[in-house]
Every structure is written in C-alpha cells, then in structure tokens.
C-alpha cells in the first residue's frame, strides 16, 4: 500500500510564475537538491513535458524513474503518475496553485510505494520528506527569483 503525504505552502509570487517553475522540469536540478538529472522524453503541443525521466539521490541510492504528466487542470495545477521505475511501484502526485493575496498557495499531494526492503516507518517517512523538501526548495527558489529568463 502506498504512503501518502500532503502539504501546502504560501509562495510570494503569482500562480502563473509558480506553475511555470514547477513545469520547467529540466531546471529542477538547480533547486531540488535530490534531483541529479532530468530528461524530457515527450512534449505536448504547448511544449510541456508529458513523459519525463529523472535520476535522483534517495536513501543512499541513485533512483531512476519516468513520470507521465497530465495538464487537464493547468494552469491551476497538474498531476503525474509513475510510468516506470525499479525501486518504486507508486510515485503519483498533484500540484495545485491558487492565488492568495499577493502570492500563491501551493498544495502538493504525493503517494509513494517503495519496493526495496525498508522498515515501515522509513517507508512512511519517505513520502513526507519528499513533499516537505520539495515545497521548501520550490518556495526558496521562486522567491529568490529563480526561473527568470
């Protein structure tokens, strides 16, 4: 069974800006410390990545996986599902971007199922750590002006 985590954070930037940073997958290694390499395999007619391959550092391993993205809620949000991985059987999630005052309320939900043998508490903590780190790093990057051309 997949472990789930949810978190929200306020970012002092407009929803369009935060959304643009969140779908700029090739720049993730600039701000997401565990992401080592990203390759967009397929794009839609608007140039957004629909299949993206990642190499990340996690739990003392380098983990590779491919995510398939769905933009049916864009630009208010987007979602993804795990397409292929060796040590994960689930890595499905959503981002949501809602205007709030002068900034954006970003919500992130993630379901993770790790197939390598780990104690249950470590597997449960993995989803929370991924979401917490991603939100803090996204906020820091966007508010520091990251993603500007």
Foldseek 3Di string as FASTA:
>chain_A
DWAKDKDKDWAQAALVLLLLVVQPVQCCVVQQVFWDGKDQPDADPVRTRQKMWTWGQDPNDTWIFIWGKDQPVPPQKIWIWTDDTDFWPTWIKMWGWDDDVNTTIIMIMTITDTNDDDPPVVSNVVNVVSVVSVVVRSRVQVNVPHPDD
